[in-house]
Amino acid sequence: MKIKKAILAIVFAGISSLAFSQTSILITNDTGIDFFGVHASESEDPYWSDDLLTYDIFEDESEVEITFPAGMSCLVDIMVTYDEESSIEFEEVDICEISGIILHYDGTYEIY
């Protein structure tokens, strides 16, 4: 009985650490424009995160590593902003299953 409890405790601890760990992916900007912000939300959630971009500008044809907040689910929407009132959204990106994403101007993306 003690062995079962110990195994369950180890499994639960592993699941808990996965659920609350931060996830990072490499994002490639292949849109033809520069970005000034990168935000994320869990899919189906109407609220966006604070800006995840650690630079002032994310230039076209460049790559940056983005770290998503701890506790965020695997399936997220990503929004990039390129001026005060304009943005592009990329829906239902599974950040737990990929190492990188290439963003296109029309809202499509390629994963790797």
PDB file of N, CA and C in Angstrom:
ATOM      1  N   MET A   1       0.815  -1.185   0.000  1.00  0.00           N
ATOM      2  CA  MET A   1       0.000   0.000   0.000  1.00  0.00           C
ATOM      3  C   MET A   1       0.864   1.257   0.000  1.00  0.00           C
ATOM      4  N   LYS A   2       1.948   1.252   0.775  1.00  0.00           N
ATOM      5  CA  LYS A   2       2.835   2.413   0.833  1.00  0.00           C
ATOM      6  C   LYS A   2       3.512   2.647  -0.510  1.00  0.00           C
ATOM      7  N   ILE A   3       3.807   1.580  -1.223  1.00  0.00           N
ATOM      8  CA  ILE A   3       4.449   1.703  -2.531  1.00  0.00           C
ATOM      9  C   ILE A   3       3.508   2.385  -3.519  1.00  0.00           C
ATOM     10  N   LYS A   4       2.237   1.992  -3.507  1.00  0.00           N
ATOM     11  CA  LYS A   4       1.258   2.622  -4.400  1.00  0.00           C
ATOM     12  C   LYS A   4       1.146   4.109  -4.111  1.00  0.00           C
ATOM     13  N   LYS A   5       1.092   4.483  -2.834  1.00  0.00           N
ATOM     14  CA  LYS A   5       1.008   5.896  -2.459  1.00  0.00           C
ATOM     15  C   LYS A   5       2.252   6.648  -2.924  1.00  0.00           C
ATOM     16  N   ALA A   6       3.410   6.036  -2.775  1.00  0.00           N
ATOM     17  CA  ALA A   6       4.654   6.682  -3.185  1.00  0.00           C
ATOM     18  C   ALA A   6       4.683   6.884  -4.696  1.00  0.00           C
ATOM     19  N   ILE A   7       4.235   5.876  -5.437  1.00  0.00           N
ATOM     20  CA  ILE A   7       4.195   5.990  -6.904  1.00  0.00           C
ATOM     21  C   ILE A   7       3.215   7.072  -7.321  1.00  0.00           C
ATOM     22  N   LEU A   8       2.037   7.093  -6.704  1.00  0.00           N
ATOM     23  CA  LEU A   8       1.053   8.128  -7.016  1.00  0.00           C
ATOM     24  C   LEU A   8       1.591   9.516  -6.693  1.00  0.00           C
ATOM     25  N   ALA A   9       2.302   9.654  -5.606  1.00  0.00           N
ATOM     26  CA  ALA A   9       2.877  10.949  -5.229  1.00  0.00           C
ATOM     27  C   ALA A   9       3.901  11.406  -6.257  1.00  0.00           C
ATOM     28  N   ILE A  10       4.726  10.499  -6.740  1.00  0.00           N
ATOM     29  CA  ILE A  10       5.728  10.836  -7.750  1.00  0.00           C
ATOM     30  C   ILE A  10       5.064  11.238  -9.060  1.00  0.00           C
ATOM     31  N   VAL A  11       4.066  10.477  -9.495  1.00  0.00           N
ATOM     32  CA  VAL A  11       3.344  10.789 -10.729  1.00  0.00           C
ATOM     33  C   VAL A  11       2.658  12.141 -10.612  1.00  0.00           C
ATOM     34  N   PHE A  12       1.981  12.387  -9.496  1.00  0.00           N
ATOM     35  CA  PHE A  12       1.282  13.659  -9.302  1.00  0.00           C
ATOM     36  C   PHE A  12       2.267  14.821  -9.290  1.00  0.00           C
ATOM     37  N   ALA A  13       3.407  14.652  -8.641  1.00  0.00           N
ATOM     38  CA  ALA A  13       4.411  15.717  -8.600  1.00  0.00           C
ATOM     39  C   ALA A  13       4.925  16.019 -10.004  1.00  0.00           C
ATOM     40  N   GLY A  14       5.122  14.989 -10.812  1.00  0.00           N
ATOM     41  CA  GLY A  14       5.577  15.190 -12.188  1.00  0.00           C
ATOM     42  C   GLY A  14       4.552  15.920 -13.020  1.00  0.00           C
ATOM     43  N   ILE A  15       3.284  15.545 -12.876  1.00  0.00           N
ATOM     44  CA  ILE A  15       2.203  16.212 -13.610  1.00  0.00           C
ATOM     45  C   ILE A  15       2.080  17.656 -13.158  1.00  0.00           C
ATOM     46  N   SER A  16       2.160  17.893 -11.854  1.00  0.00           N
ATOM     47  CA  SER A  16       2.051  19.254 -11.331  1.00  0.00           C
ATOM     48  C   SER A  16       3.179  20.129 -11.850  1.00  0.00           C
ATOM     49  N   SER A  17       4.392  19.606 -11.879  1.00  0.00           N
ATOM     50  CA  SER A  17       5.504  20.423 -12.352  1.00  0.00           C
ATOM     51  C   SER A  17       5.372  20.714 -13.834  1.00  0.00           C
ATOM     52  N   LEU A  18       4.819  19.784 -14.616  1.00  0.00           N
ATOM     53  CA  LEU A  18       4.594  20.046 -16.031  1.00  0.00           C
ATOM     54  C   LEU A  18       3.522  21.111 -16.229  1.00  0.00           C
ATOM     55  N   ALA A  19       2.487  21.059 -15.438  1.00  0.00           N
ATOM     56  CA  ALA A  19       1.374  21.993 -15.593  1.00  0.00           C
ATOM     57  C   ALA A  19       1.778  23.415 -15.249  1.00  0.00           C
ATOM     58  N   PHE A  20       2.762  23.597 -14.384  1.00  0.00           N
ATOM     59  CA  PHE A  20       3.117  24.929 -13.951  1.00  0.00           C
ATOM     60  C   PHE A  20       4.494  25.367 -14.425  1.00  0.00           C
ATOM     61  N   SER A  21       5.129  24.600 -15.284  1.00  0.00           N
ATOM     62  CA  SER A  21       6.433  25.009 -15.789  1.00  0.00           C
ATOM     63  C   SER A  21       6.261  25.945 -16.978  1.00  0.00           C
ATOM     64  N   GLN A  22       7.268  26.735 -17.207  1.00  0.00           N
ATOM     65  CA  GLN A  22       7.235  27.645 -18.341  1.00  0.00           C
ATOM     66  C   GLN A  22       7.624  26.894 -19.601  1.00  0.00           C
ATOM     67  N   THR A  23       7.051  27.313 -20.715  1.00  0.00           N
ATOM     68  CA  THR A  23       7.353  26.722 -22.007  1.00  0.00           C
ATOM     69  C   THR A  23       7.924  27.803 -22.906  1.00  0.00           C
ATOM     70  N   SER A  24       8.995  27.479 -23.609  1.00  0.00           N
ATOM     71  CA  SER A  24       9.603  28.422 -24.549  1.00  0.00           C
ATOM     72  C   SER A  24       9.625  27.808 -25.938  1.00  0.00           C
ATOM     73  N   ILE A  25       9.386  28.634 -26.953  1.00  0.00           N
ATOM     74  CA  ILE A  25       9.512  28.203 -28.341  1.00  0.00           C
ATOM     75  C   ILE A  25      10.233  29.295 -29.126  1.00  0.00           C
ATOM     76  N   LEU A  26      10.792  28.911 -30.235  1.00  0.00           N
ATOM     77  CA  LEU A  26      11.436  29.852 -31.141  1.00  0.00           C
ATOM     78  C   LEU A  26      10.393  30.314 -32.155  1.00  0.00           C
ATOM     79  N   ILE A  27      10.235  31.625 -32.292  1.00  0.00           N
ATOM     80  CA  ILE A  27       9.281  32.179 -33.248  1.00  0.00           C
ATOM     81  C   ILE A  27      10.050  32.884 -34.354  1.00  0.00           C
ATOM     82  N   THR A  28       9.708  32.538 -35.599  1.00  0.00           N
ATOM     83  CA  THR A  28      10.311  33.171 -36.773  1.00  0.00           C
ATOM     84  C   THR A  28       9.283  34.100 -37.407  1.00  0.00           C
ATOM     85  N   ASN A  29       9.680  35.337 -37.642  1.00  0.00           N
ATOM     86  CA  ASN A  29       8.812  36.336 -38.256  1.00  0.00           C
ATOM     87  C   ASN A  29       9.011  36.293 -39.768  1.00  0.00           C
ATOM     88  N   ASP A  30       8.036  35.746 -40.477  1.00  0.00           N
ATOM     89  CA  ASP A  30       8.068  35.675 -41.942  1.00  0.00           C
ATOM     90  C   ASP A  30       6.833  36.381 -42.505  1.00  0.00           C
ATOM     91  N   THR A  31       6.527  37.560 -41.938  1.00  0.00           N
ATOM     92  CA  THR A  31       5.307  38.273 -42.300  1.00  0.00           C
ATOM     93  C   THR A  31       5.531  39.433 -43.264  1.00  0.00           C
ATOM     94  N   GLY A  32       6.765  39.907 -43.357  1.00  0.00           N
ATOM     95  CA  GLY A  32       7.036  41.079 -44.181  1.00  0.00           C
ATOM     96  C   GLY A  32       6.959  42.382 -43.402  1.00  0.00           C
ATOM     97  N   ILE A  33       6.646  42.309 -42.114  1.00  0.00           N
ATOM     98  CA  ILE A  33       6.571  43.510 -41.276  1.00  0.00           C
ATOM     99  C   ILE A  33       7.267  43.263 -39.940  1.00  0.00           C
ATOM    100  N   ASP A  34       7.632  44.346 -39.261  1.00  0.00           N
ATOM    101  CA  ASP A  34       8.235  44.259 -37.931  1.00  0.00           C
ATOM    102  C   ASP A  34       7.140  44.271 -36.873  1.00  0.00           C
ATOM    103  N   PHE A  35       7.355  43.548 -35.770  1.00  0.00           N
ATOM    104  CA  PHE A  35       6.407  43.511 -34.658  1.00  0.00           C
ATOM    105  C   PHE A  35       6.946  44.318 -33.493  1.00  0.00           C
ATOM    106  N   PHE A  36       6.023  44.828 -32.697  1.00  0.00           N
ATOM    107  CA  PHE A  36       6.400  45.566 -31.498  1.00  0.00           C
ATOM    108  C   PHE A  36       5.866  44.906 -30.231  1.00  0.00           C
ATOM    109  N   GLY A  37       5.129  43.805 -30.385  1.00  0.00           N
ATOM    110  CA  GLY A  37       4.616  43.080 -29.231  1.00  0.00           C
ATOM    111  C   GLY A  37       4.200  41.671 -29.607  1.00  0.00           C
ATOM    112  N   VAL A  38       4.346  40.752 -28.660  1.00  0.00           N
ATOM    113  CA  VAL A  38       3.889  39.370 -28.807  1.00  0.00           C
ATOM    114  C   VAL A  38       3.099  39.030 -27.547  1.00  0.00           C
ATOM    115  N   HIS A  39       1.857  38.608 -27.721  1.00  0.00           N
ATOM    116  CA  HIS A  39       0.971  38.289 -26.606  1.00  0.00           C
ATOM    117  C   HIS A  39       0.396  36.893 -26.815  1.00  0.00           C
ATOM    118  N   ALA A  40      -0.040  36.280 -25.736  1.00  0.00           N
ATOM    119  CA  ALA A  40      -0.640  34.940 -25.830  1.00  0.00           C
ATOM    120  C   ALA A  40      -1.857  34.860 -24.920  1.00  0.00           C
ATOM    121  N   SER A  41      -2.739  33.953 -25.256  1.00  0.00           N
ATOM    122  CA  SER A  41      -3.863  33.620 -24.383  1.00  0.00           C
ATOM    123  C   SER A  41      -4.173  32.153 -24.587  1.00  0.00           C
ATOM    124  N   GLU A  42      -4.713  31.538 -23.574  1.00  0.00           N
ATOM    125  CA  GLU A  42      -5.174  30.176 -23.759  1.00  0.00           C
ATOM    126  C   GLU A  42      -6.310  30.232 -24.773  1.00  0.00           C
ATOM    127  N   SER A  43      -6.344  29.272 -25.696  1.00  0.00           N
ATOM    128  CA  SER A  43      -7.405  29.265 -26.704  1.00  0.00           C
ATOM    129  C   SER A  43      -8.750  29.319 -25.995  1.00  0.00           C
ATOM    130  N   GLU A  44      -9.672  30.058 -26.558  1.00  0.00           N
ATOM    131  CA  GLU A  44     -11.009  30.282 -25.989  1.00  0.00           C
ATOM    132  C   GLU A  44     -11.027  31.319 -24.866  1.00  0.00           C
ATOM    133  N   ASP A  45      -9.870  31.845 -24.453  1.00  0.00           N
ATOM    134  CA  ASP A  45      -9.810  32.873 -23.412  1.00  0.00           C
ATOM    135  C   ASP A  45      -9.717  34.232 -24.106  1.00  0.00           C
ATOM    136  N   PRO A  46     -10.605  35.173 -23.790  1.00  0.00           N
ATOM    137  CA  PRO A  46     -10.597  36.464 -24.488  1.00  0.00           C
ATOM    138  C   PRO A  46      -9.513  37.434 -24.014  1.00  0.00           C
ATOM    139  N   TYR A  47      -8.774  37.091 -22.970  1.00  0.00           N
ATOM    140  CA  TYR A  47      -7.790  38.015 -22.402  1.00  0.00           C
ATOM    141  C   TYR A  47      -6.372  37.651 -22.835  1.00  0.00           C
ATOM    142  N   TRP A  48      -5.619  38.664 -23.256  1.00  0.00           N
ATOM    143  CA  TRP A  48      -4.245  38.469 -23.718  1.00  0.00           C
ATOM    144  C   TRP A  48      -3.260  38.690 -22.583  1.00  0.00           C
ATOM    145  N   SER A  49      -2.125  38.004 -22.651  1.00  0.00           N
ATOM    146  CA  SER A  49      -1.054  38.183 -21.675  1.00  0.00           C
ATOM    147  C   SER A  49      -0.401  39.548 -21.873  1.00  0.00           C
ATOM    148  N   ASP A  50       0.430  39.912 -20.926  1.00  0.00           N
ATOM    149  CA  ASP A  50       1.292  41.064 -21.122  1.00  0.00           C
ATOM    150  C   ASP A  50       2.234  40.751 -22.284  1.00  0.00           C
ATOM    151  N   ASP A  51       2.923  41.756 -22.759  1.00  0.00           N
ATOM    152  CA  ASP A  51       3.857  41.569 -23.868  1.00  0.00           C
ATOM    153  C   ASP A  51       4.949  40.581 -23.466  1.00  0.00           C
ATOM    154  N   LEU A  52       5.142  39.531 -24.267  1.00  0.00           N
ATOM    155  CA  LEU A  52       6.155  38.507 -24.004  1.00  0.00           C
ATOM    156  C   LEU A  52       7.468  38.794 -24.721  1.00  0.00           C
ATOM    157  N   LEU A  53       7.477  39.802 -25.569  1.00  0.00           N
ATOM    158  CA  LEU A  53       8.674  40.155 -26.328  1.00  0.00           C
ATOM    159  C   LEU A  53       9.659  40.867 -25.407  1.00  0.00           C
ATOM    160  N   THR A  54      10.867  40.375 -25.337  1.00  0.00           N
ATOM    161  CA  THR A  54      11.868  40.977 -24.449  1.00  0.00           C
ATOM    162  C   THR A  54      12.726  42.008 -25.173  1.00  0.00           C
ATOM    163  N   TYR A  55      12.393  42.303 -26.422  1.00  0.00           N
ATOM    164  CA  TYR A  55      13.093  43.305 -27.219  1.00  0.00           C
ATOM    165  C   TYR A  55      12.102  44.402 -27.595  1.00  0.00           C
ATOM    166  N   ASP A  56      12.604  45.540 -28.025  1.00  0.00           N
ATOM    167  CA  ASP A  56      11.727  46.631 -28.452  1.00  0.00           C
ATOM    168  C   ASP A  56      11.060  46.332 -29.784  1.00  0.00           C
ATOM    169  N   ILE A  57      11.760  45.569 -30.630  1.00  0.00           N
ATOM    170  CA  ILE A  57      11.245  45.293 -31.970  1.00  0.00           C
ATOM    171  C   ILE A  57      11.615  43.870 -32.375  1.00  0.00           C
ATOM    172  N   PHE A  58      10.699  43.209 -33.046  1.00  0.00           N
ATOM    173  CA  PHE A  58      10.901  41.863 -33.579  1.00  0.00           C
ATOM    174  C   PHE A  58      10.868  42.023 -35.091  1.00  0.00           C
ATOM    175  N   GLU A  59      12.036  42.126 -35.684  1.00  0.00           N
ATOM    176  CA  GLU A  59      12.152  42.434 -37.105  1.00  0.00           C
ATOM    177  C   GLU A  59      11.729  41.276 -37.997  1.00  0.00           C
ATOM    178  N   ASP A  60      11.219  41.650 -39.175  1.00  0.00           N
ATOM    179  CA  ASP A  60      10.881  40.653 -40.190  1.00  0.00           C
ATOM    180  C   ASP A  60      12.120  39.837 -40.520  1.00  0.00           C
ATOM    181  N   GLU A  61      11.926  38.570 -40.794  1.00  0.00           N
ATOM    182  CA  GLU A  61      12.973  37.616 -41.147  1.00  0.00           C
ATOM    183  C   GLU A  61      13.980  37.395 -40.019  1.00  0.00           C
ATOM    184  N   SER A  62      13.515  37.549 -38.772  1.00  0.00           N
ATOM    185  CA  SER A  62      14.372  37.247 -37.639  1.00  0.00           C
ATOM    186  C   SER A  62      13.656  36.253 -36.726  1.00  0.00           C
ATOM    187  N   GLU A  63      14.383  35.743 -35.728  1.00  0.00           N
ATOM    188  CA  GLU A  63      13.843  34.758 -34.790  1.00  0.00           C
ATOM    189  C   GLU A  63      14.045  35.267 -33.366  1.00  0.00           C
ATOM    190  N   VAL A  64      13.086  34.963 -32.503  1.00  0.00           N
ATOM    191  CA  VAL A  64      13.240  35.236 -31.076  1.00  0.00           C
ATOM    192  C   VAL A  64      12.683  34.053 -30.293  1.00  0.00           C
ATOM    193  N   GLU A  65      13.252  33.844 -29.126  1.00  0.00           N
ATOM    194  CA  GLU A  65      12.698  32.827 -28.237  1.00  0.00           C
ATOM    195  C   GLU A  65      11.693  33.510 -27.314  1.00  0.00           C
ATOM    196  N   ILE A  66      10.498  32.949 -27.249  1.00  0.00           N
ATOM    197  CA  ILE A  66       9.432  33.488 -26.410  1.00  0.00           C
ATOM    198  C   ILE A  66       9.132  32.475 -25.313  1.00  0.00           C
ATOM    199  N   THR A  67       9.059  32.952 -24.083  1.00  0.00           N
ATOM    200  CA  THR A  67       8.703  32.115 -22.939  1.00  0.00           C
ATOM    201  C   THR A  67       7.295  32.460 -22.508  1.00  0.00           C
ATOM    202  N   PHE A  68       6.453  31.456 -22.465  1.00  0.00           N
ATOM    203  CA  PHE A  68       5.057  31.629 -22.089  1.00  0.00           C
ATOM    204  C   PHE A  68       4.922  31.528 -20.573  1.00  0.00           C
ATOM    205  N   PRO A  69       3.955  32.225 -19.988  1.00  0.00           N
ATOM    206  CA  PRO A  69       3.807  32.224 -18.525  1.00  0.00           C
ATOM    207  C   PRO A  69       3.583  30.832 -17.952  1.00  0.00           C
ATOM    208  N   ALA A  70       4.118  30.617 -16.772  1.00  0.00           N
ATOM    209  CA  ALA A  70       3.904  29.350 -16.058  1.00  0.00           C
ATOM    210  C   ALA A  70       2.413  29.154 -15.842  1.00  0.00           C
ATOM    211  N   GLY A  71       1.963  27.929 -16.001  1.00  0.00           N
ATOM    212  CA  GLY A  71       0.564  27.603 -15.780  1.00  0.00           C
ATOM    213  C   GLY A  71      -0.310  27.749 -17.013  1.00  0.00           C
ATOM    214  N   MET A  72       0.233  28.308 -18.094  1.00  0.00           N
ATOM    215  CA  MET A  72      -0.550  28.451 -19.318  1.00  0.00           C
ATOM    216  C   MET A  72      -0.710  27.070 -19.949  1.00  0.00           C
ATOM    217  N   SER A  73      -1.902  26.789 -20.453  1.00  0.00           N
ATOM    218  CA  SER A  73      -2.140  25.485 -21.064  1.00  0.00           C
ATOM    219  C   SER A  73      -1.340  25.352 -22.357  1.00  0.00           C
ATOM    220  N   CYS A  74      -1.317  24.159 -22.903  1.00  0.00           N
ATOM    221  CA  CYS A  74      -0.548  23.896 -24.127  1.00  0.00           C
ATOM    222  C   CYS A  74      -1.143  24.560 -25.360  1.00  0.00           C
ATOM    223  N   LEU A  75      -2.452  24.636 -25.441  1.00  0.00           N
ATOM    224  CA  LEU A  75      -3.114  25.168 -26.628  1.00  0.00           C
ATOM    225  C   LEU A  75      -3.362  26.668 -26.434  1.00  0.00           C
ATOM    226  N   VAL A  76      -2.626  27.480 -27.208  1.00  0.00           N
ATOM    227  CA  VAL A  76      -2.710  28.933 -27.053  1.00  0.00           C
ATOM    228  C   VAL A  76      -2.964  29.612 -28.389  1.00  0.00           C
ATOM    229  N   ASP A  77      -3.429  30.847 -28.298  1.00  0.00           N
ATOM    230  CA  ASP A  77      -3.480  31.744 -29.442  1.00  0.00           C
ATOM    231  C   ASP A  77      -2.362  32.756 -29.243  1.00  0.00           C
ATOM    232  N   ILE A  78      -1.719  33.141 -30.323  1.00  0.00           N
ATOM    233  CA  ILE A  78      -0.635  34.121 -30.275  1.00  0.00           C
ATOM    234  C   ILE A  78      -1.058  35.337 -31.082  1.00  0.00           C
ATOM    235  N   MET A  79      -0.852  36.526 -30.502  1.00  0.00           N
ATOM    236  CA  MET A  79      -1.152  37.764 -31.204  1.00  0.00           C
ATOM    237  C   MET A  79       0.123  38.595 -31.279  1.00  0.00           C
ATOM    238  N   VAL A  80       0.435  39.069 -32.479  1.00  0.00           N
ATOM    239  CA  VAL A  80       1.565  39.981 -32.651  1.00  0.00           C
ATOM    240  C   VAL A  80       1.010  41.348 -33.043  1.00  0.00           C
ATOM    241  N   THR A  81       1.611  42.398 -32.495  1.00  0.00           N
ATOM    242  CA  THR A  81       1.168  43.755 -32.810  1.00  0.00           C
ATOM    243  C   THR A  81       2.247  44.448 -33.621  1.00  0.00           C
ATOM    244  N   TYR A  82       1.800  45.229 -34.620  1.00  0.00           N
ATOM    245  CA  TYR A  82       2.774  45.931 -35.445  1.00  0.00           C
ATOM    246  C   TYR A  82       2.544  47.426 -35.536  1.00  0.00           C
ATOM    247  N   ASP A  83       1.541  47.941 -34.896  1.00  0.00           N
ATOM    248  CA  ASP A  83       1.390  49.364 -34.627  1.00  0.00           C
ATOM    249  C   ASP A  83       0.333  49.516 -33.544  1.00  0.00           C
ATOM    250  N   GLU A  84      -0.042  50.721 -33.220  1.00  0.00           N
ATOM    251  CA  GLU A  84      -0.965  50.953 -32.102  1.00  0.00           C
ATOM    252  C   GLU A  84      -2.295  50.227 -32.241  1.00  0.00           C
ATOM    253  N   GLU A  85      -2.785  50.041 -33.458  1.00  0.00           N
ATOM    254  CA  GLU A  85      -4.126  49.494 -33.648  1.00  0.00           C
ATOM    255  C   GLU A  85      -4.186  48.241 -34.504  1.00  0.00           C
ATOM    256  N   SER A  86      -3.053  47.698 -34.898  1.00  0.00           N
ATOM    257  CA  SER A  86      -3.061  46.565 -35.827  1.00  0.00           C
ATOM    258  C   SER A  86      -2.353  45.347 -35.230  1.00  0.00           C
ATOM    259  N   SER A  87      -2.932  44.189 -35.502  1.00  0.00           N
ATOM    260  CA  SER A  87      -2.349  42.949 -34.996  1.00  0.00           C
ATOM    261  C   SER A  87      -2.713  41.800 -35.924  1.00  0.00           C
ATOM    262  N   ILE A  88      -2.007  40.688 -35.740  1.00  0.00           N
ATOM    263  CA  ILE A  88      -2.293  39.443 -36.452  1.00  0.00           C
ATOM    264  C   ILE A  88      -2.414  38.360 -35.392  1.00  0.00           C
ATOM    265  N   GLU A  89      -3.420  37.504 -35.514  1.00  0.00           N
ATOM    266  CA  GLU A  89      -3.614  36.416 -34.555  1.00  0.00           C
ATOM    267  C   GLU A  89      -3.353  35.062 -35.205  1.00  0.00           C
ATOM    268  N   PHE A  90      -2.724  34.202 -34.438  1.00  0.00           N
ATOM    269  CA  PHE A  90      -2.416  32.834 -34.858  1.00  0.00           C
ATOM    270  C   PHE A  90      -3.090  31.918 -33.848  1.00  0.00           C
ATOM    271  N   GLU A  91      -4.071  31.152 -34.300  1.00  0.00           N
ATOM    272  CA  GLU A  91      -4.941  30.413 -33.393  1.00  0.00           C
ATOM    273  C   GLU A  91      -4.518  28.961 -33.197  1.00  0.00           C
ATOM    274  N   GLU A  92      -4.785  28.487 -31.983  1.00  0.00           N
ATOM    275  CA  GLU A  92      -4.632  27.088 -31.592  1.00  0.00           C
ATOM    276  C   GLU A  92      -3.248  26.515 -31.888  1.00  0.00           C
ATOM    277  N   VAL A  93      -2.239  27.142 -31.295  1.00  0.00           N
ATOM    278  CA  VAL A  93      -0.864  26.681 -31.395  1.00  0.00           C
ATOM    279  C   VAL A  93      -0.568  25.819 -30.178  1.00  0.00           C
ATOM    280  N   ASP A  94      -0.157  24.577 -30.384  1.00  0.00           N
ATOM    281  CA  ASP A  94       0.153  23.675 -29.274  1.00  0.00           C
ATOM    282  C   ASP A  94       1.627  23.852 -28.903  1.00  0.00           C
ATOM    283  N   ILE A  95       1.892  24.725 -27.945  1.00  0.00           N
ATOM    284  CA  ILE A  95       3.267  25.075 -27.596  1.00  0.00           C
ATOM    285  C   ILE A  95       4.008  23.958 -26.874  1.00  0.00           C
ATOM    286  N   CYS A  96       3.298  22.948 -26.393  1.00  0.00           N
ATOM    287  CA  CYS A  96       3.946  21.827 -25.708  1.00  0.00           C
ATOM    288  C   CYS A  96       4.490  20.783 -26.679  1.00  0.00           C
ATOM    289  N   GLU A  97       4.021  20.806 -27.908  1.00  0.00           N
ATOM    290  CA  GLU A  97       4.393  19.776 -28.884  1.00  0.00           C
ATOM    291  C   GLU A  97       5.367  20.260 -29.950  1.00  0.00           C
ATOM    292  N   ILE A  98       5.781  21.524 -29.884  1.00  0.00           N
ATOM    293  CA  ILE A  98       6.652  22.069 -30.930  1.00  0.00           C
ATOM    294  C   ILE A  98       7.874  22.733 -30.311  1.00  0.00           C
ATOM    295  N   SER A  99       8.886  22.940 -31.121  1.00  0.00           N
ATOM    296  CA  SER A  99      10.048  23.707 -30.658  1.00  0.00           C
ATOM    297  C   SER A  99      10.082  25.079 -31.309  1.00  0.00           C
ATOM    298  N   GLY A 100       9.355  25.224 -32.424  1.00  0.00           N
ATOM    299  CA  GLY A 100       9.341  26.518 -33.095  1.00  0.00           C
ATOM    300  C   GLY A 100       8.166  26.682 -34.025  1.00  0.00           C
ATOM    301  N   ILE A 101       7.962  27.946 -34.438  1.00  0.00           N
ATOM    302  CA  ILE A 101       6.852  28.289 -35.316  1.00  0.00           C
ATOM    303  C   ILE A 101       7.295  29.409 -36.254  1.00  0.00           C
ATOM    304  N   ILE A 102       6.841  29.328 -37.502  1.00  0.00           N
ATOM    305  CA  ILE A 102       7.096  30.373 -38.489  1.00  0.00           C
ATOM    306  C   ILE A 102       5.769  31.067 -38.751  1.00  0.00           C
ATOM    307  N   LEU A 103       5.712  32.376 -38.505  1.00  0.00           N
ATOM    308  CA  LEU A 103       4.482  33.147 -38.652  1.00  0.00           C
ATOM    309  C   LEU A 103       4.405  33.818 -40.012  1.00  0.00           C
ATOM    310  N   HIS A 104       3.225  33.760 -40.645  1.00  0.00           N
ATOM    311  CA  HIS A 104       2.990  34.390 -41.941  1.00  0.00           C
ATOM    312  C   HIS A 104       1.947  35.499 -41.799  1.00  0.00           C
ATOM    313  N   TYR A 105       1.991  36.477 -42.694  1.00  0.00           N
ATOM    314  CA  TYR A 105       1.138  37.661 -42.611  1.00  0.00           C
ATOM    315  C   TYR A 105      -0.355  37.341 -42.621  1.00  0.00           C
ATOM    316  N   ASP A 106      -0.750  36.277 -43.312  1.00  0.00           N
ATOM    317  CA  ASP A 106      -2.175  35.958 -43.443  1.00  0.00           C
ATOM    318  C   ASP A 106      -2.741  35.192 -42.235  1.00  0.00           C
ATOM    319  N   GLY A 107      -1.959  35.076 -41.154  1.00  0.00           N
ATOM    320  CA  GLY A 107      -2.432  34.383 -39.961  1.00  0.00           C
ATOM    321  C   GLY A 107      -2.169  32.888 -39.956  1.00  0.00           C
ATOM    322  N   THR A 108      -1.534  32.397 -41.001  1.00  0.00           N
ATOM    323  CA  THR A 108      -1.163  30.979 -41.031  1.00  0.00           C
ATOM    324  C   THR A 108       0.230  30.827 -40.440  1.00  0.00           C
ATOM    325  N   TYR A 109       0.574  29.596 -40.126  1.00  0.00           N
ATOM    326  CA  TYR A 109       1.897  29.336 -39.542  1.00  0.00           C
ATOM    327  C   TYR A 109       2.334  27.924 -39.871  1.00  0.00           C
ATOM    328  N   GLU A 110       3.640  27.722 -39.765  1.00  0.00           N
ATOM    329  CA  GLU A 110       4.248  26.404 -39.913  1.00  0.00           C
ATOM    330  C   GLU A 110       4.921  26.063 -38.589  1.00  0.00           C
ATOM    331  N   ILE A 111       4.794  24.830 -38.153  1.00  0.00           N
ATOM    332  CA  ILE A 111       5.416  24.417 -36.908  1.00  0.00           C
ATOM    333  C   ILE A 111       6.572  23.465 -37.184  1.00  0.00           C
ATOM    334  N   TYR A 112       7.500  23.419 -36.256  1.00  0.00           N
ATOM    335  CA  TYR A 112       8.606  22.463 -36.330  1.00  0.00           C
ATOM    336  C   TYR A 112       9.053  22.098 -34.923  1.00  0.00           C
TER     337      TYR A 112
END
